[in-house]
């Protein structure tokens, strides 16, 4: 199977994808900047039908945030009213 892995957004709009060699692991990445539903399409590039099993692994990278450096509410920095903040 020559797998094709694609990522689609909430409106079924194509975002990114990858096609790899037969039997090789595939990796595709996408920076999610908008909350919502995302969909994955995994298929054979040539349209074949297989009973081969596969594993889909999703990972999440932490986004640095100088105003929330430790992941809990106890250590958050106070932001003064009217302060402009840069977004990632």
PDB file of N, CA and C in Angstrom:
ATOM      1  N   UNK A   1       0.842  -1.180   0.000  1.00  0.00           N
ATOM      2  CA  UNK A   1       0.000   0.000   0.000  1.00  0.00           C
ATOM      3  C   UNK A   1       0.886   1.243   0.000  1.00  0.00           C
ATOM      4  N   UNK A   2       0.626   2.151  -0.875  1.00  0.00           N
ATOM      5  CA  UNK A   2       1.300   3.453  -0.896  1.00  0.00           C
ATOM      6  C   UNK A   2       0.328   4.450  -0.278  1.00  0.00           C
ATOM      7  N   UNK A   3       0.513   4.691   1.010  1.00  0.00           N
ATOM      8  CA  UNK A   3      -0.455   5.469   1.773  1.00  0.00           C
ATOM      9  C   UNK A   3      -0.378   6.953   1.458  1.00  0.00           C
ATOM     10  N   UNK A   4      -1.556   7.566   1.493  1.00  0.00           N
ATOM     11  CA  UNK A   4      -1.692   9.009   1.372  1.00  0.00           C
ATOM     12  C   UNK A   4      -2.425   9.477   2.627  1.00  0.00           C
ATOM     13  N   UNK A   5      -1.844  10.427   3.340  1.00  0.00           N
ATOM     14  CA  UNK A   5      -2.432  10.948   4.567  1.00  0.00           C
ATOM     15  C   UNK A   5      -2.717  12.428   4.340  1.00  0.00           C
ATOM     16  N   UNK A   6      -3.955  12.828   4.573  1.00  0.00           N
ATOM     17  CA  UNK A   6      -4.355  14.222   4.345  1.00  0.00           C
ATOM     18  C   UNK A   6      -5.075  14.763   5.571  1.00  0.00           C
ATOM     19  N   UNK A   7      -4.953  16.061   5.782  1.00  0.00           N
ATOM     20  CA  UNK A   7      -5.655  16.743   6.871  1.00  0.00           C
ATOM     21  C   UNK A   7      -6.599  17.757   6.253  1.00  0.00           C
ATOM     22  N   UNK A   8      -7.847  17.742   6.737  1.00  0.00           N
ATOM     23  CA  UNK A   8      -8.883  18.660   6.267  1.00  0.00           C
ATOM     24  C   UNK A   8      -9.424  19.473   7.434  1.00  0.00           C
ATOM     25  N   UNK A   9      -9.881  20.685   7.143  1.00  0.00           N
ATOM     26  CA  UNK A   9     -10.460  21.543   8.164  1.00  0.00           C
ATOM     27  C   UNK A   9     -11.938  21.299   8.343  1.00  0.00           C
ATOM     28  N   UNK A  10     -12.561  22.138   9.176  1.00  0.00           N
ATOM     29  CA  UNK A  10     -13.964  21.970   9.551  1.00  0.00           C
ATOM     30  C   UNK A  10     -14.916  22.015   8.356  1.00  0.00           C
ATOM     31  N   UNK A  11     -14.567  22.743   7.308  1.00  0.00           N
ATOM     32  CA  UNK A  11     -15.430  22.847   6.124  1.00  0.00           C
ATOM     33  C   UNK A  11     -15.008  21.885   5.027  1.00  0.00           C
ATOM     34  N   UNK A  12     -14.318  20.824   5.421  1.00  0.00           N
ATOM     35  CA  UNK A  12     -13.778  19.837   4.483  1.00  0.00           C
ATOM     36  C   UNK A  12     -12.796  20.445   3.492  1.00  0.00           C
ATOM     37  N   UNK A  13     -12.140  21.539   3.898  1.00  0.00           N
ATOM     38  CA  UNK A  13     -11.142  22.155   3.046  1.00  0.00           C
ATOM     39  C   UNK A  13      -9.783  21.487   3.287  1.00  0.00           C
ATOM     40  N   UNK A  14      -9.104  21.169   2.193  1.00  0.00           N
ATOM     41  CA  UNK A  14      -7.800  20.519   2.264  1.00  0.00           C
ATOM     42  C   UNK A  14      -6.790  21.463   2.901  1.00  0.00           C
ATOM     43  N   UNK A  15      -6.030  20.966   3.884  1.00  0.00           N
ATOM     44  CA  UNK A  15      -5.022  21.774   4.561  1.00  0.00           C
ATOM     45  C   UNK A  15      -3.605  21.344   4.195  1.00  0.00           C
ATOM     46  N   UNK A  16      -3.333  20.060   4.268  1.00  0.00           N
ATOM     47  CA  UNK A  16      -2.017  19.537   3.923  1.00  0.00           C
ATOM     48  C   UNK A  16      -2.090  18.020   3.819  1.00  0.00           C
ATOM     49  N   UNK A  17      -1.051  17.438   3.271  1.00  0.00           N
ATOM     50  CA  UNK A  17      -1.011  15.986   3.159  1.00  0.00           C
ATOM     51  C   UNK A  17       0.339  15.502   2.702  1.00  0.00           C
ATOM     52  N   UNK A  18       0.491  14.184   2.680  1.00  0.00           N
ATOM     53  CA  UNK A  18       1.745  13.566   2.261  1.00  0.00           C
ATOM     54  C   UNK A  18       1.438  12.209   1.637  1.00  0.00           C
ATOM     55  N   UNK A  19       2.214  11.860   0.625  1.00  0.00           N
ATOM     56  CA  UNK A  19       2.156  10.536   0.023  1.00  0.00           C
ATOM     57  C   UNK A  19       3.547   9.941   0.136  1.00  0.00           C
ATOM     58  N   UNK A  20       3.629   8.712   0.586  1.00  0.00           N
ATOM     59  CA  UNK A  20       4.941   8.103   0.798  1.00  0.00           C
ATOM     60  C   UNK A  20       5.125   6.849  -0.020  1.00  0.00           C
ATOM     61  N   UNK A  21       6.331   6.306   0.054  1.00  0.00           N
ATOM     62  CA  UNK A  21       6.646   5.066  -0.635  1.00  0.00           C
ATOM     63  C   UNK A  21       5.931   3.898   0.026  1.00  0.00           C
ATOM     64  N   UNK A  22       5.730   2.836  -0.710  1.00  0.00           N
ATOM     65  CA  UNK A  22       5.079   1.643  -0.196  1.00  0.00           C
ATOM     66  C   UNK A  22       5.824   1.113   1.014  1.00  0.00           C
ATOM     67  N   UNK A  23       5.095   0.892   2.102  1.00  0.00           N
ATOM     68  CA  UNK A  23       5.656   0.320   3.313  1.00  0.00           C
ATOM     69  C   UNK A  23       6.390   1.294   4.220  1.00  0.00           C
ATOM     70  N   UNK A  24       6.621   2.498   3.780  1.00  0.00           N
ATOM     71  CA  UNK A  24       7.355   3.465   4.600  1.00  0.00           C
ATOM     72  C   UNK A  24       6.408   4.196   5.550  1.00  0.00           C
ATOM     73  N   UNK A  25       6.936   4.583   6.701  1.00  0.00           N
ATOM     74  CA  UNK A  25       6.157   5.400   7.630  1.00  0.00           C
ATOM     75  C   UNK A  25       5.916   6.772   7.016  1.00  0.00           C
ATOM     76  N   UNK A  26       4.764   7.343   7.308  1.00  0.00           N
ATOM     77  CA  UNK A  26       4.416   8.665   6.803  1.00  0.00           C
ATOM     78  C   UNK A  26       4.283   9.622   7.978  1.00  0.00           C
ATOM     79  N   UNK A  27       4.665  10.857   7.781  1.00  0.00           N
ATOM     80  CA  UNK A  27       4.502  11.877   8.808  1.00  0.00           C
ATOM     81  C   UNK A  27       4.017  13.151   8.133  1.00  0.00           C
ATOM     82  N   UNK A  28       2.985  13.707   8.690  1.00  0.00           N
ATOM     83  CA  UNK A  28       2.466  14.979   8.189  1.00  0.00           C
ATOM     84  C   UNK A  28       2.221  15.865   9.399  1.00  0.00           C
ATOM     85  N   UNK A  29       2.502  17.149   9.259  1.00  0.00           N
ATOM     86  CA  UNK A  29       2.287  18.041  10.392  1.00  0.00           C
ATOM     87  C   UNK A  29       1.511  19.270   9.930  1.00  0.00           C
ATOM     88  N   UNK A  30       0.809  19.849  10.879  1.00  0.00           N
ATOM     89  CA  UNK A  30       0.014  21.042  10.601  1.00  0.00           C
ATOM     90  C   UNK A  30      -0.083  21.852  11.887  1.00  0.00           C
ATOM     91  N   UNK A  31       0.194  23.129  11.815  1.00  0.00           N
ATOM     92  CA  UNK A  31       0.068  24.006  12.971  1.00  0.00           C
ATOM     93  C   UNK A  31      -1.375  24.458  13.088  1.00  0.00           C
ATOM     94  N   UNK A  32      -2.051  23.986  14.114  1.00  0.00           N
ATOM     95  CA  UNK A  32      -3.449  24.347  14.341  1.00  0.00           C
ATOM     96  C   UNK A  32      -3.481  25.721  15.000  1.00  0.00           C
ATOM     97  N   UNK A  33      -4.072  26.687  14.313  1.00  0.00           N
ATOM     98  CA  UNK A  33      -4.162  28.044  14.851  1.00  0.00           C
ATOM     99  C   UNK A  33      -5.603  28.459  15.130  1.00  0.00           C
ATOM    100  N   UNK A  34      -6.542  27.659  14.667  1.00  0.00           N
ATOM    101  CA  UNK A  34      -7.953  27.959  14.870  1.00  0.00           C
ATOM    102  C   UNK A  34      -8.621  26.769  15.551  1.00  0.00           C
ATOM    103  N   UNK A  35      -9.325  26.990  16.662  1.00  0.00           N
ATOM    104  CA  UNK A  35     -10.054  25.885  17.292  1.00  0.00           C
ATOM    105  C   UNK A  35     -11.108  25.328  16.331  1.00  0.00           C
ATOM    106  N   UNK A  36     -11.399  24.070  16.462  1.00  0.00           N
ATOM    107  CA  UNK A  36     -12.432  23.462  15.629  1.00  0.00           C
ATOM    108  C   UNK A  36     -12.158  21.996  15.374  1.00  0.00           C
ATOM    109  N   UNK A  37     -12.905  21.432  14.456  1.00  0.00           N
ATOM    110  CA  UNK A  37     -12.760  20.027  14.087  1.00  0.00           C
ATOM    111  C   UNK A  37     -11.818  19.907  12.899  1.00  0.00           C
ATOM    112  N   UNK A  38     -10.975  18.902  12.957  1.00  0.00           N
ATOM    113  CA  UNK A  38     -10.070  18.589  11.861  1.00  0.00           C
ATOM    114  C   UNK A  38     -10.252  17.123  11.523  1.00  0.00           C
ATOM    115  N   UNK A  39     -10.089  16.782  10.250  1.00  0.00           N
ATOM    116  CA  UNK A  39     -10.337  15.428   9.790  1.00  0.00           C
ATOM    117  C   UNK A  39      -9.117  14.885   9.070  1.00  0.00           C
ATOM    118  N   UNK A  40      -8.878  13.580   9.235  1.00  0.00           N
ATOM    119  CA  UNK A  40      -7.773  12.901   8.587  1.00  0.00           C
ATOM    120  C   UNK A  40      -8.324  11.932   7.556  1.00  0.00           C
ATOM    121  N   UNK A  41      -7.699  11.894   6.416  1.00  0.00           N
ATOM    122  CA  UNK A  41      -8.064  10.940   5.372  1.00  0.00           C
ATOM    123  C   UNK A  41      -6.833  10.080   5.111  1.00  0.00           C
ATOM    124  N   UNK A  42      -6.994   8.793   5.286  1.00  0.00           N
ATOM    125  CA  UNK A  42      -5.905   7.853   5.048  1.00  0.00           C
ATOM    126  C   UNK A  42      -6.392   6.867   4.006  1.00  0.00           C
ATOM    127  N   UNK A  43      -5.660   6.783   2.899  1.00  0.00           N
ATOM    128  CA  UNK A  43      -6.089   5.901   1.815  1.00  0.00           C
ATOM    129  C   UNK A  43      -4.891   5.467   0.989  1.00  0.00           C
ATOM    130  N   UNK A  44      -5.123   4.518   0.113  1.00  0.00           N
ATOM    131  CA  UNK A  44      -4.097   4.097  -0.822  1.00  0.00           C
ATOM    132  C   UNK A  44      -4.046   5.104  -1.963  1.00  0.00           C
ATOM    133  N   UNK A  45      -2.859   5.564  -2.301  1.00  0.00           N
ATOM    134  CA  UNK A  45      -2.671   6.575  -3.332  1.00  0.00           C
ATOM    135  C   UNK A  45      -3.250   6.130  -4.676  1.00  0.00           C
ATOM    136  N   UNK A  46      -3.146   4.829  -4.981  1.00  0.00           N
ATOM    137  CA  UNK A  46      -3.628   4.297  -6.254  1.00  0.00           C
ATOM    138  C   UNK A  46      -5.091   3.871  -6.196  1.00  0.00           C
ATOM    139  N   UNK A  47      -5.738   4.046  -5.044  1.00  0.00           N
ATOM    140  CA  UNK A  47      -7.158   3.694  -4.931  1.00  0.00           C
ATOM    141  C   UNK A  47      -7.415   2.242  -4.611  1.00  0.00           C
ATOM    142  N   UNK A  48      -6.384   1.486  -4.240  1.00  0.00           N
ATOM    143  CA  UNK A  48      -6.555   0.075  -3.914  1.00  0.00           C
ATOM    144  C   UNK A  48      -7.285  -0.120  -2.595  1.00  0.00           C
ATOM    145  N   UNK A  49      -7.697  -1.355  -2.366  1.00  0.00           N
ATOM    146  CA  UNK A  49      -8.395  -1.711  -1.136  1.00  0.00           C
ATOM    147  C   UNK A  49      -7.559  -2.749  -0.398  1.00  0.00           C
ATOM    148  N   UNK A  50      -7.315  -2.501   0.886  1.00  0.00           N
ATOM    149  CA  UNK A  50      -6.441  -3.378   1.660  1.00  0.00           C
ATOM    150  C   UNK A  50      -7.070  -3.671   3.015  1.00  0.00           C
ATOM    151  N   UNK A  51      -6.640  -4.773   3.603  1.00  0.00           N
ATOM    152  CA  UNK A  51      -7.064  -5.098   4.955  1.00  0.00           C
ATOM    153  C   UNK A  51      -5.904  -4.899   5.935  1.00  0.00           C
ATOM    154  N   UNK A  52      -4.829  -4.290   5.464  1.00  0.00           N
ATOM    155  CA  UNK A  52      -3.662  -4.036   6.304  1.00  0.00           C
ATOM    156  C   UNK A  52      -4.026  -3.054   7.415  1.00  0.00           C
ATOM    157  N   UNK A  53      -3.572  -3.347   8.623  1.00  0.00           N
ATOM    158  CA  UNK A  53      -3.828  -2.429   9.731  1.00  0.00           C
ATOM    159  C   UNK A  53      -2.778  -1.326   9.733  1.00  0.00           C
ATOM    160  N   UNK A  54      -3.121  -0.214  10.329  1.00  0.00           N
ATOM    161  CA  UNK A  54      -2.180   0.887  10.467  1.00  0.00           C
ATOM    162  C   UNK A  54      -2.415   1.555  11.813  1.00  0.00           C
ATOM    163  N   UNK A  55      -1.449   2.358  12.224  1.00  0.00           N
ATOM    164  CA  UNK A  55      -1.545   3.096  13.478  1.00  0.00           C
ATOM    165  C   UNK A  55      -1.465   4.587  13.172  1.00  0.00           C
ATOM    166  N   UNK A  56      -2.382   5.344  13.725  1.00  0.00           N
ATOM    167  CA  UNK A  56      -2.375   6.799  13.602  1.00  0.00           C
ATOM    168  C   UNK A  56      -1.979   7.365  14.956  1.00  0.00           C
ATOM    169  N   UNK A  57      -0.897   8.130  14.980  1.00  0.00           N
ATOM    170  CA  UNK A  57      -0.416   8.730  16.212  1.00  0.00           C
ATOM    171  C   UNK A  57      -0.472  10.250  16.071  1.00  0.00           C
ATOM    172  N   UNK A  58      -1.113  10.896  17.033  1.00  0.00           N
ATOM    173  CA  UNK A  58      -1.193  12.354  17.045  1.00  0.00           C
ATOM    174  C   UNK A  58      -0.362  12.882  18.195  1.00  0.00           C
ATOM    175  N   UNK A  59       0.361  13.946  17.953  1.00  0.00           N
ATOM    176  CA  UNK A  59       1.147  14.566  19.009  1.00  0.00           C
ATOM    177  C   UNK A  59       0.804  16.046  19.089  1.00  0.00           C
ATOM    178  N   UNK A  60       1.078  16.598  20.236  1.00  0.00           N
ATOM    179  CA  UNK A  60       0.811  18.016  20.462  1.00  0.00           C
ATOM    180  C   UNK A  60       2.068  18.635  21.056  1.00  0.00           C
ATOM    181  N   UNK A  61       2.529  19.704  20.457  1.00  0.00           N
ATOM    182  CA  UNK A  61       3.673  20.432  20.990  1.00  0.00           C
ATOM    183  C   UNK A  61       3.168  21.580  21.839  1.00  0.00           C
ATOM    184  N   UNK A  62       3.850  21.821  22.936  1.00  0.00           N
ATOM    185  CA  UNK A  62       3.492  22.940  23.784  1.00  0.00           C
ATOM    186  C   UNK A  62       3.868  24.243  23.088  1.00  0.00           C
ATOM    187  N   UNK A  63       3.001  25.221  23.194  1.00  0.00           N
ATOM    188  CA  UNK A  63       3.266  26.541  22.638  1.00  0.00           C
ATOM    189  C   UNK A  63       3.753  27.428  23.779  1.00  0.00           C
ATOM    190  N   UNK A  64       4.943  28.013  23.632  1.00  0.00           N
ATOM    191  CA  UNK A  64       5.446  28.846  24.722  1.00  0.00           C
ATOM    192  C   UNK A  64       4.526  30.039  24.987  1.00  0.00           C
ATOM    193  N   UNK A  65       4.286  30.305  26.232  1.00  0.00           N
ATOM    194  CA  UNK A  65       3.438  31.424  26.630  1.00  0.00           C
ATOM    195  C   UNK A  65       4.075  32.069  27.854  1.00  0.00           C
ATOM    196  N   UNK A  66       4.673  33.236  27.674  1.00  0.00           N
ATOM    197  CA  UNK A  66       5.381  33.882  28.771  1.00  0.00           C
ATOM    198  C   UNK A  66       4.461  34.253  29.927  1.00  0.00           C
ATOM    199  N   UNK A  67       3.141  34.295  29.689  1.00  0.00           N
ATOM    200  CA  UNK A  67       2.202  34.655  30.741  1.00  0.00           C
ATOM    201  C   UNK A  67       1.646  33.439  31.468  1.00  0.00           C
ATOM    202  N   UNK A  68       2.007  32.239  31.005  1.00  0.00           N
ATOM    203  CA  UNK A  68       1.554  31.014  31.654  1.00  0.00           C
ATOM    204  C   UNK A  68       2.655  29.970  31.508  1.00  0.00           C
ATOM    205  N   UNK A  69       3.770  30.144  32.227  1.00  0.00           N
ATOM    206  CA  UNK A  69       4.947  29.315  31.993  1.00  0.00           C
ATOM    207  C   UNK A  69       4.907  27.914  32.588  1.00  0.00           C
ATOM    208  N   UNK A  70       3.985  27.617  33.508  1.00  0.00           N
ATOM    209  CA  UNK A  70       4.078  26.336  34.204  1.00  0.00           C
ATOM    210  C   UNK A  70       2.837  25.460  34.117  1.00  0.00           C
ATOM    211  N   UNK A  71       1.824  25.859  33.385  1.00  0.00           N
ATOM    212  CA  UNK A  71       0.668  25.000  33.184  1.00  0.00           C
ATOM    213  C   UNK A  71      -0.347  24.956  34.306  1.00  0.00           C
ATOM    214  N   UNK A  72      -0.236  25.820  35.308  1.00  0.00           N
ATOM    215  CA  UNK A  72      -1.274  25.825  36.343  1.00  0.00           C
ATOM    216  C   UNK A  72      -1.644  27.271  36.703  1.00  0.00           C
ATOM    217  N   UNK A  73      -2.795  27.426  37.324  1.00  0.00           N
ATOM    218  CA  UNK A  73      -3.300  28.757  37.643  1.00  0.00           C
ATOM    219  C   UNK A  73      -2.523  29.437  38.775  1.00  0.00           C
ATOM    220  N   UNK A  74      -1.882  28.672  39.626  1.00  0.00           N
ATOM    221  CA  UNK A  74      -1.201  29.245  40.783  1.00  0.00           C
ATOM    222  C   UNK A  74      -0.015  30.119  40.388  1.00  0.00           C
ATOM    223  N   UNK A  75       0.604  29.843  39.252  1.00  0.00           N
ATOM    224  CA  UNK A  75       1.801  30.580  38.874  1.00  0.00           C
ATOM    225  C   UNK A  75       1.623  31.552  37.731  1.00  0.00           C
ATOM    226  N   UNK A  76       0.392  31.900  37.393  1.00  0.00           N
ATOM    227  CA  UNK A  76       0.179  32.795  36.246  1.00  0.00           C
ATOM    228  C   UNK A  76       0.641  34.211  36.563  1.00  0.00           C
ATOM    229  N   UNK A  77       1.051  34.927  35.520  1.00  0.00           N
ATOM    230  CA  UNK A  77       1.435  36.325  35.676  1.00  0.00           C
ATOM    231  C   UNK A  77       0.205  37.198  35.542  1.00  0.00           C
ATOM    232  N   UNK A  78       0.144  38.231  36.328  1.00  0.00           N
ATOM    233  CA  UNK A  78      -0.972  39.166  36.242  1.00  0.00           C
ATOM    234  C   UNK A  78      -0.787  40.040  35.005  1.00  0.00           C
ATOM    235  N   UNK A  79      -1.868  40.267  34.293  1.00  0.00           N
ATOM    236  CA  UNK A  79      -1.860  41.128  33.114  1.00  0.00           C
ATOM    237  C   UNK A  79      -2.721  42.338  33.443  1.00  0.00           C
ATOM    238  N   UNK A  80      -2.109  43.498  33.429  1.00  0.00           N
ATOM    239  CA  UNK A  80      -2.827  44.721  33.763  1.00  0.00           C
ATOM    240  C   UNK A  80      -3.861  45.045  32.700  1.00  0.00           C
ATOM    241  N   UNK A  81      -4.998  45.562  33.116  1.00  0.00           N
ATOM    242  CA  UNK A  81      -6.056  45.966  32.212  1.00  0.00           C
ATOM    243  C   UNK A  81      -5.505  46.957  31.181  1.00  0.00           C
ATOM    244  N   UNK A  82      -5.803  46.701  29.898  1.00  0.00           N
ATOM    245  CA  UNK A  82      -5.357  47.585  28.827  1.00  0.00           C
ATOM    246  C   UNK A  82      -3.985  47.246  28.269  1.00  0.00           C
ATOM    247  N   UNK A  83      -3.352  46.200  28.779  1.00  0.00           N
ATOM    248  CA  UNK A  83      -2.039  45.804  28.291  1.00  0.00           C
ATOM    249  C   UNK A  83      -2.180  45.050  26.971  1.00  0.00           C
ATOM    250  N   UNK A  84      -1.400  45.465  25.967  1.00  0.00           N
ATOM    251  CA  UNK A  84      -1.402  44.776  24.680  1.00  0.00           C
ATOM    252  C   UNK A  84      -0.490  43.549  24.762  1.00  0.00           C
ATOM    253  N   UNK A  85      -0.948  42.432  24.225  1.00  0.00           N
ATOM    254  CA  UNK A  85      -0.190  41.186  24.247  1.00  0.00           C
ATOM    255  C   UNK A  85       0.044  40.697  22.838  1.00  0.00           C
ATOM    256  N   UNK A  86       1.200  40.114  22.597  1.00  0.00           N
ATOM    257  CA  UNK A  86       1.476  39.475  21.313  1.00  0.00           C
ATOM    258  C   UNK A  86       0.938  38.056  21.338  1.00  0.00           C
ATOM    259  N   UNK A  87       0.378  37.596  20.223  1.00  0.00           N
ATOM    260  CA  UNK A  87      -0.165  36.236  20.139  1.00  0.00           C
ATOM    261  C   UNK A  87       0.766  35.369  19.324  1.00  0.00           C
ATOM    262  N   UNK A  88       0.733  34.073  19.612  1.00  0.00           N
ATOM    263  CA  UNK A  88       1.508  33.099  18.831  1.00  0.00           C
ATOM    264  C   UNK A  88       0.638  32.566  17.733  1.00  0.00           C
TER     265      UNK A  88
END
